[in-house]
PDB file of N, CA and C in Angstrom:
ATOM      1  N   MET A   1      -4.447  -4.078  28.150  1.00  0.00           N
ATOM      2  CA  MET A   1      -5.817  -4.480  27.903  1.00  0.00           C
ATOM      3  C   MET A   1      -6.690  -3.263  27.687  1.00  0.00           C
ATOM      4  N   CYS A   2      -7.755  -3.448  27.028  1.00  0.00           N
ATOM      5  CA  CYS A   2      -8.665  -2.364  26.705  1.00  0.00           C
ATOM      6  C   CYS A   2      -9.994  -2.607  27.410  1.00  0.00           C
ATOM      7  N   TYR A   3     -10.373  -1.700  28.288  1.00  0.00           N
ATOM      8  CA  TYR A   3     -11.644  -1.804  28.999  1.00  0.00           C
ATOM      9  C   TYR A   3     -12.519  -0.628  28.640  1.00  0.00           C
ATOM     10  N   HIS A   4     -13.658  -0.906  28.065  1.00  0.00           N
ATOM     11  CA  HIS A   4     -14.638   0.126  27.712  1.00  0.00           C
ATOM     12  C   HIS A   4     -14.025   1.224  26.854  1.00  0.00           C
ATOM     13  N   GLY A   5     -13.170   0.845  25.913  1.00  0.00           N
ATOM     14  CA  GLY A   5     -12.634   1.812  24.978  1.00  0.00           C
ATOM     15  C   GLY A   5     -11.434   2.584  25.500  1.00  0.00           C
ATOM     16  N   VAL A   6     -10.947   2.327  26.708  1.00  0.00           N
ATOM     17  CA  VAL A   6      -9.798   3.036  27.254  1.00  0.00           C
ATOM     18  C   VAL A   6      -8.622   2.062  27.302  1.00  0.00           C
ATOM     19  N   MET A   7      -7.507   2.470  26.728  1.00  0.00           N
ATOM     20  CA  MET A   7      -6.335   1.599  26.708  1.00  0.00           C
ATOM     21  C   MET A   7      -5.467   1.901  27.918  1.00  0.00           C
ATOM     22  N   THR A   8      -4.883   0.861  28.472  1.00  0.00           N
ATOM     23  CA  THR A   8      -3.971   1.044  29.596  1.00  0.00           C
ATOM     24  C   THR A   8      -2.643   1.571  29.071  1.00  0.00           C
ATOM     25  N   PRO A   9      -1.878   2.256  29.927  1.00  0.00           N
ATOM     26  CA  PRO A   9      -0.589   2.809  29.478  1.00  0.00           C
ATOM     27  C   PRO A   9       0.325   1.703  28.931  1.00  0.00           C
ATOM     28  N   GLY A  10       1.043   2.017  27.874  1.00  0.00           N
ATOM     29  CA  GLY A  10       1.976   1.080  27.273  1.00  0.00           C
ATOM     30  C   GLY A  10       1.378   0.171  26.222  1.00  0.00           C
ATOM     31  N   ARG A  11       0.072   0.146  26.093  1.00  0.00           N
ATOM     32  CA  ARG A  11      -0.587  -0.737  25.113  1.00  0.00           C
ATOM     33  C   ARG A  11      -0.899  -0.010  23.802  1.00  0.00           C
ATOM     34  N   TRP A  12      -0.726   1.275  23.751  1.00  0.00           N
ATOM     35  CA  TRP A  12      -1.078   2.031  22.553  1.00  0.00           C
ATOM     36  C   TRP A  12       0.038   2.022  21.512  1.00  0.00           C
ATOM     37  N   ALA A  13       1.269   1.726  21.911  1.00  0.00           N
ATOM     38  CA  ALA A  13       2.403   1.765  20.985  1.00  0.00           C
ATOM     39  C   ALA A  13       2.237   0.789  19.808  1.00  0.00           C
ATOM     40  N   PRO A  14       1.874  -0.473  20.046  1.00  0.00           N
ATOM     41  CA  PRO A  14       1.699  -1.375  18.891  1.00  0.00           C
ATOM     42  C   PRO A  14       0.584  -0.920  17.944  1.00  0.00           C
ATOM     43  N   VAL A  15      -0.470  -0.370  18.509  1.00  0.00           N
ATOM     44  CA  VAL A  15      -1.577   0.118  17.679  1.00  0.00           C
ATOM     45  C   VAL A  15      -1.108   1.295  16.832  1.00  0.00           C
ATOM     46  N   LEU A  16      -0.306   2.177  17.417  1.00  0.00           N
ATOM     47  CA  LEU A  16       0.222   3.329  16.696  1.00  0.00           C
ATOM     48  C   LEU A  16       1.137   2.874  15.560  1.00  0.00           C
ATOM     49  N   VAL A  17       1.997   1.898  15.822  1.00  0.00           N
ATOM     50  CA  VAL A  17       2.907   1.385  14.790  1.00  0.00           C
ATOM     51  C   VAL A  17       2.117   0.755  13.650  1.00  0.00           C
ATOM     52  N   LEU A  18       1.120  -0.043  13.971  1.00  0.00           N
ATOM     53  CA  LEU A  18       0.291  -0.654  12.923  1.00  0.00           C
ATOM     54  C   LEU A  18      -0.454   0.399  12.113  1.00  0.00           C
ATOM     55  N   GLY A  19      -0.920   1.442  12.763  1.00  0.00           N
ATOM     56  CA  GLY A  19      -1.600   2.530  12.058  1.00  0.00           C
ATOM     57  C   GLY A  19      -0.677   3.246  11.095  1.00  0.00           C
ATOM     58  N   ILE A  20       0.557   3.484  11.500  1.00  0.00           N
ATOM     59  CA  ILE A  20       1.528   4.153  10.632  1.00  0.00           C
ATOM     60  C   ILE A  20       1.866   3.268   9.433  1.00  0.00           C
ATOM     61  N   ILE A  21       2.043   1.978   9.668  1.00  0.00           N
ATOM     62  CA  ILE A  21       2.331   1.049   8.567  1.00  0.00           C
ATOM     63  C   ILE A  21       1.176   1.026   7.572  1.00  0.00           C
ATOM     64  N   ALA A  22      -0.051   0.987   8.066  1.00  0.00           N
ATOM     65  CA  ALA A  22      -1.219   0.988   7.176  1.00  0.00           C
ATOM     66  C   ALA A  22      -1.278   2.276   6.370  1.00  0.00           C
ATOM     67  N   LEU A  23      -0.965   3.395   6.986  1.00  0.00           N
ATOM     68  CA  LEU A  23      -0.976   4.679   6.286  1.00  0.00           C
ATOM     69  C   LEU A  23       0.093   4.709   5.201  1.00  0.00           C
ATOM     70  N   LEU A  24       1.287   4.210   5.489  1.00  0.00           N
ATOM     71  CA  LEU A  24       2.363   4.181   4.495  1.00  0.00           C
ATOM     72  C   LEU A  24       2.014   3.276   3.326  1.00  0.00           C
ATOM     73  N   ARG A  25       1.366   2.151   3.588  1.00  0.00           N
ATOM     74  CA  ARG A  25       0.945   1.263   2.496  1.00  0.00           C
ATOM     75  C   ARG A  25      -0.102   1.935   1.620  1.00  0.00           C
ATOM     76  N   THR A  26      -0.999   2.676   2.230  1.00  0.00           N
ATOM     77  CA  THR A  26      -2.032   3.375   1.473  1.00  0.00           C
ATOM     78  C   THR A  26      -1.408   4.425   0.565  1.00  0.00           C
ATOM     79  N   VAL A  27      -0.438   5.177   1.089  1.00  0.00           N
ATOM     80  CA  VAL A  27       0.234   6.197   0.290  1.00  0.00           C
ATOM     81  C   VAL A  27       1.021   5.545  -0.842  1.00  0.00           C
ATOM     82  N   ALA A  28       1.716   4.437  -0.564  1.00  0.00           N
ATOM     83  CA  ALA A  28       2.480   3.740  -1.607  1.00  0.00           C
ATOM     84  C   ALA A  28       1.551   3.175  -2.670  1.00  0.00           C
ATOM     85  N   ALA A  29       0.410   2.649  -2.268  1.00  0.00           N
ATOM     86  CA  ALA A  29      -0.541   2.091  -3.234  1.00  0.00           C
ATOM     87  C   ALA A  29      -1.131   3.175  -4.116  1.00  0.00           C
ATOM     88  N   ALA A  30      -1.248   4.395  -3.598  1.00  0.00           N
ATOM     89  CA  ALA A  30      -1.798   5.494  -4.388  1.00  0.00           C
ATOM     90  C   ALA A  30      -0.861   5.878  -5.528  1.00  0.00           C
ATOM     91  N   ASP A  31       0.448   5.603  -5.382  1.00  0.00           N
ATOM     92  CA  ASP A  31       1.419   5.948  -6.413  1.00  0.00           C
ATOM     93  C   ASP A  31       1.552   4.872  -7.475  1.00  0.00           C
ATOM     94  N   GLN A  32       0.948   3.704  -7.273  1.00  0.00           N
ATOM     95  CA  GLN A  32       1.091   2.600  -8.204  1.00  0.00           C
ATOM     96  C   GLN A  32       0.181   2.757  -9.406  1.00  0.00           C
ATOM     97  N   GLU A  33       0.655   2.220 -10.510  1.00  0.00           N
ATOM     98  CA  GLU A  33      -0.186   2.097 -11.688  1.00  0.00           C
ATOM     99  C   GLU A  33      -0.725   0.674 -11.713  1.00  0.00           C
ATOM    100  N   TYR A  34      -1.884   0.500 -12.325  1.00  0.00           N
ATOM    101  CA  TYR A  34      -2.516  -0.817 -12.389  1.00  0.00           C
ATOM    102  C   TYR A  34      -2.730  -1.227 -13.831  1.00  0.00           C
ATOM    103  N   VAL A  35      -2.768  -2.526 -14.043  1.00  0.00           N
ATOM    104  CA  VAL A  35      -2.976  -3.122 -15.358  1.00  0.00           C
ATOM    105  C   VAL A  35      -4.041  -4.192 -15.220  1.00  0.00           C
ATOM    106  N   ILE A  36      -4.862  -4.344 -16.251  1.00  0.00           N
ATOM    107  CA  ILE A  36      -5.850  -5.422 -16.269  1.00  0.00           C
ATOM    108  C   ILE A  36      -5.164  -6.678 -16.791  1.00  0.00           C
ATOM    109  N   TRP A  37      -5.207  -7.737 -15.988  1.00  0.00           N
ATOM    110  CA  TRP A  37      -4.670  -9.032 -16.382  1.00  0.00           C
ATOM    111  C   TRP A  37      -5.833  -9.910 -16.821  1.00  0.00           C
ATOM    112  N   ARG A  38      -5.606 -10.723 -17.850  1.00  0.00           N
ATOM    113  CA  ARG A  38      -6.666 -11.552 -18.419  1.00  0.00           C
ATOM    114  C   ARG A  38      -6.272 -13.017 -18.383  1.00  0.00           C
ATOM    115  N   SER A  39      -7.270 -13.838 -18.118  1.00  0.00           N
ATOM    116  CA  SER A  39      -7.112 -15.281 -18.176  1.00  0.00           C
ATOM    117  C   SER A  39      -8.443 -15.859 -18.629  1.00  0.00           C
ATOM    118  N   THR A  40      -8.475 -17.162 -18.798  1.00  0.00           N
ATOM    119  CA  THR A  40      -9.730 -17.827 -19.101  1.00  0.00           C
ATOM    120  C   THR A  40     -10.018 -18.829 -17.995  1.00  0.00           C
ATOM    121  N   THR A  41     -11.268 -19.231 -17.898  1.00  0.00           N
ATOM    122  CA  THR A  41     -11.618 -20.225 -16.884  1.00  0.00           C
ATOM    123  C   THR A  41     -11.043 -21.592 -17.238  1.00  0.00           C
ATOM    124  N   LEU A  42     -10.657 -21.774 -18.501  1.00  0.00           N
ATOM    125  CA  LEU A  42     -10.071 -23.042 -18.918  1.00  0.00           C
ATOM    126  C   LEU A  42      -8.631 -23.173 -18.429  1.00  0.00           C
ATOM    127  N   ASP A  43      -7.910 -22.060 -18.344  1.00  0.00           N
ATOM    128  CA  ASP A  43      -6.504 -22.083 -17.937  1.00  0.00           C
ATOM    129  C   ASP A  43      -6.243 -20.934 -16.979  1.00  0.00           C
ATOM    130  N   ARG A  44      -6.645 -21.093 -15.727  1.00  0.00           N
ATOM    131  CA  ARG A  44      -6.555 -20.017 -14.741  1.00  0.00           C
ATOM    132  C   ARG A  44      -5.122 -19.703 -14.330  1.00  0.00           C
ATOM    133  N   LEU A  45      -4.160 -20.510 -14.728  1.00  0.00           N
ATOM    134  CA  LEU A  45      -2.781 -20.253 -14.341  1.00  0.00           C
ATOM    135  C   LEU A  45      -2.034 -19.411 -15.365  1.00  0.00           C
ATOM    136  N   ASP A  46      -2.610 -19.203 -16.517  1.00  0.00           N
ATOM    137  CA  ASP A  46      -1.952 -18.450 -17.582  1.00  0.00           C
ATOM    138  C   ASP A  46      -2.561 -17.052 -17.659  1.00  0.00           C
ATOM    139  N   TRP A  47      -1.973 -16.114 -16.951  1.00  0.00           N
ATOM    140  CA  TRP A  47      -2.472 -14.740 -16.925  1.00  0.00           C
ATOM    141  C   TRP A  47      -1.635 -13.884 -17.865  1.00  0.00           C
ATOM    142  N   THR A  48      -2.301 -12.997 -18.602  1.00  0.00           N
ATOM    143  CA  THR A  48      -1.631 -12.119 -19.543  1.00  0.00           C
ATOM    144  C   THR A  48      -1.946 -10.668 -19.183  1.00  0.00           C
ATOM    145  N   PRO A  49      -0.908  -9.813 -19.034  1.00  0.00           N
ATOM    146  CA  PRO A  49      -1.187  -8.417 -18.705  1.00  0.00           C
ATOM    147  C   PRO A  49      -1.636  -7.635 -19.934  1.00  0.00           C
ATOM    148  N   GLY A  50      -2.488  -6.661 -19.714  1.00  0.00           N
ATOM    149  CA  GLY A  50      -2.903  -5.776 -20.786  1.00  0.00           C
ATOM    150  C   GLY A  50      -1.848  -4.712 -21.024  1.00  0.00           C
ATOM    151  N   SER A  51      -2.022  -3.928 -22.064  1.00  0.00           N
ATOM    152  CA  SER A  51      -1.035  -2.898 -22.391  1.00  0.00           C
ATOM    153  C   SER A  51      -1.405  -1.531 -21.811  1.00  0.00           C
ATOM    154  N   THR A  52      -2.661  -1.357 -21.415  1.00  0.00           N
ATOM    155  CA  THR A  52      -3.108  -0.074 -20.887  1.00  0.00           C
ATOM    156  C   THR A  52      -2.870  -0.014 -19.386  1.00  0.00           C
ATOM    157  N   THR A  53      -2.253   1.073 -18.927  1.00  0.00           N
ATOM    158  CA  THR A  53      -2.057   1.256 -17.493  1.00  0.00           C
ATOM    159  C   THR A  53      -3.083   2.256 -16.986  1.00  0.00           C
ATOM    160  N   TYR A  54      -3.476   2.077 -15.745  1.00  0.00           N
ATOM    161  CA  TYR A  54      -4.452   2.938 -15.086  1.00  0.00           C
ATOM    162  C   TYR A  54      -3.792   3.577 -13.875  1.00  0.00           C
ATOM    163  N   ALA A  55      -4.120   4.829 -13.630  1.00  0.00           N
ATOM    164  CA  ALA A  55      -3.481   5.588 -12.555  1.00  0.00           C
ATOM    165  C   ALA A  55      -3.939   5.155 -11.168  1.00  0.00           C
ATOM    166  N   SER A  56      -5.105   4.528 -11.073  1.00  0.00           N
ATOM    167  CA  SER A  56      -5.619   4.129  -9.756  1.00  0.00           C
ATOM    168  C   SER A  56      -6.329   2.789  -9.861  1.00  0.00           C
ATOM    169  N   ARG A  57      -6.541   2.185  -8.720  1.00  0.00           N
ATOM    170  CA  ARG A  57      -7.261   0.911  -8.668  1.00  0.00           C
ATOM    171  C   ARG A  57      -8.702   1.099  -9.126  1.00  0.00           C
ATOM    172  N   GLU A  58      -9.308   2.228  -8.765  1.00  0.00           N
ATOM    173  CA  GLU A  58     -10.697   2.489  -9.145  1.00  0.00           C
ATOM    174  C   GLU A  58     -10.838   2.592 -10.668  1.00  0.00           C
ATOM    175  N   ALA A  59      -9.894   3.278 -11.328  1.00  0.00           N
ATOM    176  CA  ALA A  59      -9.941   3.397 -12.788  1.00  0.00           C
ATOM    177  C   ALA A  59      -9.760   2.030 -13.438  1.00  0.00           C
ATOM    178  N   CYS A  60      -8.897   1.210 -12.870  1.00  0.00           N
ATOM    179  CA  CYS A  60      -8.687  -0.140 -13.390  1.00  0.00           C
ATOM    180  C   CYS A  60      -9.953  -0.977 -13.223  1.00  0.00           C
ATOM    181  N   ASP A  61     -10.590  -0.872 -12.072  1.00  0.00           N
ATOM    182  CA  ASP A  61     -11.838  -1.606 -11.840  1.00  0.00           C
ATOM    183  C   ASP A  61     -12.918  -1.179 -12.830  1.00  0.00           C
ATOM    184  N   GLN A  62     -12.953   0.099 -13.184  1.00  0.00           N
ATOM    185  CA  GLN A  62     -13.911   0.566 -14.195  1.00  0.00           C
ATOM    186  C   GLN A  62     -13.586  -0.041 -15.552  1.00  0.00           C
ATOM    187  N   GLY A  63     -12.297  -0.149 -15.865  1.00  0.00           N
ATOM    188  CA  GLY A  63     -11.883  -0.788 -17.117  1.00  0.00           C
ATOM    189  C   GLY A  63     -12.298  -2.249 -17.163  1.00  0.00           C
ATOM    190  N   VAL A  64     -12.198  -2.937 -16.024  1.00  0.00           N
ATOM    191  CA  VAL A  64     -12.637  -4.332 -15.943  1.00  0.00           C
ATOM    192  C   VAL A  64     -14.140  -4.417 -16.204  1.00  0.00           C
ATOM    193  N   ALA A  65     -14.904  -3.513 -15.614  1.00  0.00           N
ATOM    194  CA  ALA A  65     -16.362  -3.519 -15.810  1.00  0.00           C
ATOM    195  C   ALA A  65     -16.714  -3.321 -17.286  1.00  0.00           C
ATOM    196  N   VAL A  66     -15.990  -2.444 -17.971  1.00  0.00           N
ATOM    197  CA  VAL A  66     -16.230  -2.210 -19.399  1.00  0.00           C
ATOM    198  C   VAL A  66     -15.933  -3.476 -20.198  1.00  0.00           C
ATOM    199  N   ARG A  67     -14.822  -4.128 -19.888  1.00  0.00           N
ATOM    200  CA  ARG A  67     -14.471  -5.362 -20.609  1.00  0.00           C
ATOM    201  C   ARG A  67     -15.482  -6.471 -20.358  1.00  0.00           C
ATOM    202  N   GLN A  68     -15.933  -6.605 -19.109  1.00  0.00           N
ATOM    203  CA  GLN A  68     -16.914  -7.640 -18.802  1.00  0.00           C
ATOM    204  C   GLN A  68     -18.228  -7.379 -19.532  1.00  0.00           C
ATOM    205  N   ALA A  69     -18.624  -6.131 -19.636  1.00  0.00           N
ATOM    206  CA  ALA A  69     -19.847  -5.797 -20.375  1.00  0.00           C
ATOM    207  C   ALA A  69     -19.675  -6.128 -21.860  1.00  0.00           C
ATOM    208  N   ARG A  70     -18.490  -5.856 -22.402  1.00  0.00           N
ATOM    209  CA  ARG A  70     -18.212  -6.156 -23.812  1.00  0.00           C
ATOM    210  C   ARG A  70     -18.278  -7.664 -24.060  1.00  0.00           C
ATOM    211  N   VAL A  71     -17.717  -8.447 -23.148  1.00  0.00           N
ATOM    212  CA  VAL A  71     -17.760  -9.909 -23.279  1.00  0.00           C
ATOM    213  C   VAL A  71     -19.200 -10.400 -23.200  1.00  0.00           C
ATOM    214  N   ALA A  72     -19.985  -9.841 -22.288  1.00  0.00           N
ATOM    215  CA  ALA A  72     -21.389 -10.257 -22.158  1.00  0.00           C
ATOM    216  C   ALA A  72     -22.155  -9.964 -23.448  1.00  0.00           C
ATOM    217  N   ARG A  73     -21.902  -8.806 -24.069  1.00  0.00           N
ATOM    218  CA  ARG A  73     -22.563  -8.485 -25.342  1.00  0.00           C
ATOM    219  C   ARG A  73     -22.130  -9.446 -26.441  1.00  0.00           C
ATOM    220  N   THR A  74     -20.844  -9.784 -26.476  1.00  0.00           N
ATOM    221  CA  THR A  74     -20.334 -10.711 -27.489  1.00  0.00           C
ATOM    222  C   THR A  74     -20.943 -12.095 -27.328  1.00  0.00           C
ATOM    223  N   VAL A  75     -21.021 -12.580 -26.084  1.00  0.00           N
ATOM    224  CA  VAL A  75     -21.619 -13.898 -25.832  1.00  0.00           C
ATOM    225  C   VAL A  75     -23.093 -13.893 -26.235  1.00  0.00           C
ATOM    226  N   ALA A  76     -23.812 -12.826 -25.901  1.00  0.00           N
ATOM    227  CA  ALA A  76     -25.228 -12.738 -26.286  1.00  0.00           C
ATOM    228  C   ALA A  76     -25.370 -12.765 -27.808  1.00  0.00           C
ATOM    229  N   PHE A  77     -24.499 -12.062 -28.516  1.00  0.00           N
ATOM    230  CA  PHE A  77     -24.531 -12.040 -29.976  1.00  0.00           C
ATOM    231  C   PHE A  77     -24.241 -13.431 -30.540  1.00  0.00           C
ATOM    232  N   LEU A  78     -23.227 -14.112 -29.991  1.00  0.00           N
ATOM    233  CA  LEU A  78     -22.879 -15.448 -30.482  1.00  0.00           C
ATOM    234  C   LEU A  78     -24.004 -16.446 -30.218  1.00  0.00           C
ATOM    235  N   ARG A  79     -24.702 -16.285 -29.090  1.00  0.00           N
ATOM    236  CA  ARG A  79     -25.844 -17.164 -28.796  1.00  0.00           C
ATOM    237  C   ARG A  79     -26.946 -16.983 -29.845  1.00  0.00           C
ATOM    238  N   ARG A  80     -27.190 -15.723 -30.207  1.00  0.00           N
ATOM    239  CA  ARG A  80     -28.228 -15.466 -31.220  1.00  0.00           C
ATOM    240  C   ARG A  80     -27.851 -16.096 -32.561  1.00  0.00           C
ATOM    241  N   LEU A  81     -26.539 -16.160 -32.835  1.00  0.00           N
ATOM    242  CA  LEU A  81     -26.086 -16.781 -34.076  1.00  0.00           C
ATOM    243  C   LEU A  81     -26.082 -18.300 -33.991  1.00  0.00           C
ATOM    244  N   GLY A  82     -26.241 -18.847 -32.787  1.00  0.00           N
ATOM    245  CA  GLY A  82     -26.231 -20.290 -32.599  1.00  0.00           C
ATOM    246  C   GLY A  82     -24.837 -20.867 -32.499  1.00  0.00           C
ATOM    247  N   ALA A  83     -23.927 -20.131 -31.902  1.00  0.00           N
ATOM    248  CA  ALA A  83     -22.543 -20.593 -31.780  1.00  0.00           C
ATOM    249  C   ALA A  83     -22.467 -21.844 -30.916  1.00  0.00           C
ATOM    250  N   ASP A  84     -21.441 -22.602 -31.153  1.00  0.00           N
ATOM    251  CA  ASP A  84     -21.158 -23.829 -30.404  1.00  0.00           C
ATOM    252  C   ASP A  84     -20.918 -23.487 -28.932  1.00  0.00           C
ATOM    253  N   ASP A  85     -21.295 -24.402 -28.032  1.00  0.00           N
ATOM    254  CA  ASP A  85     -21.101 -24.194 -26.598  1.00  0.00           C
ATOM    255  C   ASP A  85     -19.627 -24.005 -26.240  1.00  0.00           C
ATOM    256  N   THR A  86     -18.733 -24.670 -26.953  1.00  0.00           N
ATOM    257  CA  THR A  86     -17.306 -24.532 -26.684  1.00  0.00           C
ATOM    258  C   THR A  86     -16.846 -23.106 -26.947  1.00  0.00           C
ATOM    259  N   VAL A  87     -17.299 -22.529 -28.045  1.00  0.00           N
ATOM    260  CA  VAL A  87     -16.954 -21.136 -28.363  1.00  0.00           C
ATOM    261  C   VAL A  87     -17.501 -20.213 -27.293  1.00  0.00           C
ATOM    262  N   LEU A  88     -18.723 -20.451 -26.852  1.00  0.00           N
ATOM    263  CA  LEU A  88     -19.319 -19.615 -25.817  1.00  0.00           C
ATOM    264  C   LEU A  88     -18.539 -19.709 -24.503  1.00  0.00           C
ATOM    265  N   GLN A  89     -18.056 -20.914 -24.176  1.00  0.00           N
ATOM    266  CA  GLN A  89     -17.280 -21.077 -22.942  1.00  0.00           C
ATOM    267  C   GLN A  89     -15.947 -20.344 -23.022  1.00  0.00           C
ATOM    268  N   VAL A  90     -15.291 -20.407 -24.177  1.00  0.00           N
ATOM    269  CA  VAL A  90     -13.993 -19.746 -24.329  1.00  0.00           C
ATOM    270  C   VAL A  90     -14.157 -18.236 -24.280  1.00  0.00           C
ATOM    271  N   VAL A  91     -15.127 -17.714 -25.008  1.00  0.00           N
ATOM    272  CA  VAL A  91     -15.335 -16.263 -25.035  1.00  0.00           C
ATOM    273  C   VAL A  91     -15.921 -15.782 -23.710  1.00  0.00           C
ATOM    274  N   GLY A  92     -16.894 -16.481 -23.199  1.00  0.00           N
ATOM    275  CA  GLY A  92     -17.547 -16.055 -21.968  1.00  0.00           C
ATOM    276  C   GLY A  92     -16.774 -16.400 -20.713  1.00  0.00           C
ATOM    277  N   GLY A  93     -15.750 -17.231 -20.843  1.00  0.00           N
ATOM    278  CA  GLY A  93     -15.000 -17.653 -19.679  1.00  0.00           C
ATOM    279  C   GLY A  93     -13.792 -16.797 -19.368  1.00  0.00           C
ATOM    280  N   ARG A  94     -13.735 -15.609 -19.916  1.00  0.00           N
ATOM    281  CA  ARG A  94     -12.602 -14.732 -19.633  1.00  0.00           C
ATOM    282  C   ARG A  94     -12.737 -14.148 -18.236  1.00  0.00           C
ATOM    283  N   VAL A  95     -11.611 -14.084 -17.560  1.00  0.00           N
ATOM    284  CA  VAL A  95     -11.558 -13.540 -16.206  1.00  0.00           C
ATOM    285  C   VAL A  95     -10.598 -12.356 -16.237  1.00  0.00           C
ATOM    286  N   TYR A  96     -11.018 -11.239 -15.651  1.00  0.00           N
ATOM    287  CA  TYR A  96     -10.186 -10.047 -15.608  1.00  0.00           C
ATOM    288  C   TYR A  96      -9.900  -9.686 -14.158  1.00  0.00           C
ATOM    289  N   GLU A  97      -8.690  -9.195 -13.925  1.00  0.00           N
ATOM    290  CA  GLU A  97      -8.293  -8.818 -12.574  1.00  0.00           C
ATOM    291  C   GLU A  97      -7.322  -7.643 -12.637  1.00  0.00           C
ATOM    292  N   CYS A  98      -7.518  -6.668 -11.748  1.00  0.00           N
ATOM    293  CA  CYS A  98      -6.595  -5.536 -11.660  1.00  0.00           C
ATOM    294  C   CYS A  98      -5.435  -5.916 -10.758  1.00  0.00           C
ATOM    295  N   ARG A  99      -4.236  -5.672 -11.259  1.00  0.00           N
ATOM    296  CA  ARG A  99      -3.021  -5.925 -10.484  1.00  0.00           C
ATOM    297  C   ARG A  99      -2.073  -4.757 -10.700  1.00  0.00           C
ATOM    298  N   PRO A 100      -1.156  -4.538  -9.760  1.00  0.00           N
ATOM    299  CA  PRO A 100      -0.164  -3.479  -9.979  1.00  0.00           C
ATOM    300  C   PRO A 100       0.631  -3.745 -11.252  1.00  0.00           C
ATOM    301  N   ALA A 101       0.958  -2.676 -11.948  1.00  0.00           N
ATOM    302  CA  ALA A 101       1.718  -2.793 -13.191  1.00  0.00           C
ATOM    303  C   ALA A 101       3.128  -3.276 -12.892  1.00  0.00           C
ATOM    304  N   LEU A 102       3.688  -4.025 -13.830  1.00  0.00           N
ATOM    305  CA  LEU A 102       5.065  -4.487 -13.708  1.00  0.00           C
ATOM    306  C   LEU A 102       5.996  -3.303 -13.925  1.00  0.00           C
ATOM    307  N   PRO A 103       7.168  -3.320 -13.299  1.00  0.00           N
ATOM    308  CA  PRO A 103       8.118  -2.237 -13.543  1.00  0.00           C
ATOM    309  C   PRO A 103       8.519  -2.225 -15.008  1.00  0.00           C
ATOM    310  N   ARG A 104       8.592  -1.051 -15.560  1.00  0.00           N
ATOM    311  CA  ARG A 104       8.958  -0.919 -16.973  1.00  0.00           C
ATOM    312  C   ARG A 104      10.470  -0.957 -17.128  1.00  0.00           C
ATOM    313  N   PRO A 105      10.947  -1.629 -18.177  1.00  0.00           N
ATOM    314  CA  PRO A 105      12.394  -1.625 -18.415  1.00  0.00           C
ATOM    315  C   PRO A 105      12.826  -0.239 -18.875  1.00  0.00           C
ATOM    316  N   PRO A 106      14.059   0.135 -18.607  1.00  0.00           N
ATOM    317  CA  PRO A 106      14.524   1.450 -19.060  1.00  0.00           C
ATOM    318  C   PRO A 106      14.487   1.529 -20.581  1.00  0.00           C
ATOM    319  N   THR A 107      14.146   2.699 -21.088  1.00  0.00           N
ATOM    320  CA  THR A 107      14.037   2.869 -22.536  1.00  0.00           C
ATOM    321  C   THR A 107      15.399   2.924 -23.205  1.00  0.00           C
ATOM    322  N   ARG A 108      16.405   3.417 -22.510  1.00  0.00           N
ATOM    323  CA  ARG A 108      17.760   3.427 -23.038  1.00  0.00           C
ATOM    324  C   ARG A 108      18.721   3.228 -21.875  1.00  0.00           C
ATOM    325  N   PRO A 109      19.910   2.707 -22.141  1.00  0.00           N
ATOM    326  CA  PRO A 109      20.839   2.460 -21.044  1.00  0.00           C
ATOM    327  C   PRO A 109      21.304   3.777 -20.427  1.00  0.00           C
ATOM    328  N   PRO A 110      21.607   3.751 -19.143  1.00  0.00           N
ATOM    329  CA  PRO A 110      22.119   4.956 -18.500  1.00  0.00           C
ATOM    330  C   PRO A 110      23.432   5.400 -19.153  1.00  0.00           C
ATOM    331  N   ALA A 111      23.734   6.681 -19.043  1.00  0.00           N
ATOM    332  CA  ALA A 111      24.917   7.235 -19.697  1.00  0.00           C
ATOM    333  C   ALA A 111      26.220   6.672 -19.137  1.00  0.00           C
ATOM    334  N   SER A 112      26.188   6.162 -17.892  1.00  0.00           N
ATOM    335  CA  SER A 112      27.418   5.650 -17.291  1.00  0.00           C
ATOM    336  C   SER A 112      27.830   4.306 -17.875  1.00  0.00           C
ATOM    337  N   GLU A 113      26.905   3.579 -18.495  1.00  0.00           N
ATOM    338  CA  GLU A 113      27.246   2.296 -19.083  1.00  0.00           C
ATOM    339  C   GLU A 113      27.649   2.479 -20.550  1.00  0.00           C
ATOM    340  N   PRO A 114      28.755   1.864 -20.963  1.00  0.00           N
ATOM    341  CA  PRO A 114      29.137   1.977 -22.380  1.00  0.00           C
ATOM    342  C   PRO A 114      28.198   1.156 -23.247  1.00  0.00           C
ATOM    343  N   SER A 115      27.950   1.631 -24.440  1.00  0.00           N
ATOM    344  CA  SER A 115      27.079   0.895 -25.352  1.00  0.00           C
ATOM    345  C   SER A 115      27.807  -0.349 -25.846  1.00  0.00           C
ATOM    346  N   GLN A 116      27.054  -1.404 -26.014  1.00  0.00           N
ATOM    347  CA  GLN A 116      27.645  -2.668 -26.459  1.00  0.00           C
ATOM    348  C   GLN A 116      27.432  -2.803 -27.945  1.00  0.00           C
ATOM    349  N   SER A 117      28.516  -3.007 -28.661  1.00  0.00           N
ATOM    350  CA  SER A 117      28.398  -3.217 -30.092  1.00  0.00           C
ATOM    351  C   SER A 117      29.047  -4.549 -30.431  1.00  0.00           C
ATOM    352  N   PRO A 118      28.464  -5.279 -31.381  1.00  0.00           N
ATOM    353  CA  PRO A 118      29.006  -6.604 -31.717  1.00  0.00           C
ATOM    354  C   PRO A 118      30.324  -6.551 -32.417  1.00  0.00           C
TER     355      PRO A 118
END
């Protein structure tokens, strides 16, 4: 138990283990690349990854902000032209989210595997 900020003997081990796990996750997350995934509000289950990878979550979030600003400008332009509400919903209903990049397939087979020819 913890009384006034002082832990009793034997109670600090779980806290130490959780702290180490959190630190390892932070280090692993720093090595990940991120991709902006796109969907629409009409079909939230169909997500499509972008082709640009970002070295950090912060850079990916900045990319999302740029895309959202671009969509807002496009919707404003279409409104001035008098576009149909359906078009405005499709264009303005895009949702962007940063997610870790998918593992890339190897560019060529390893040398230990024989090449397959038909």
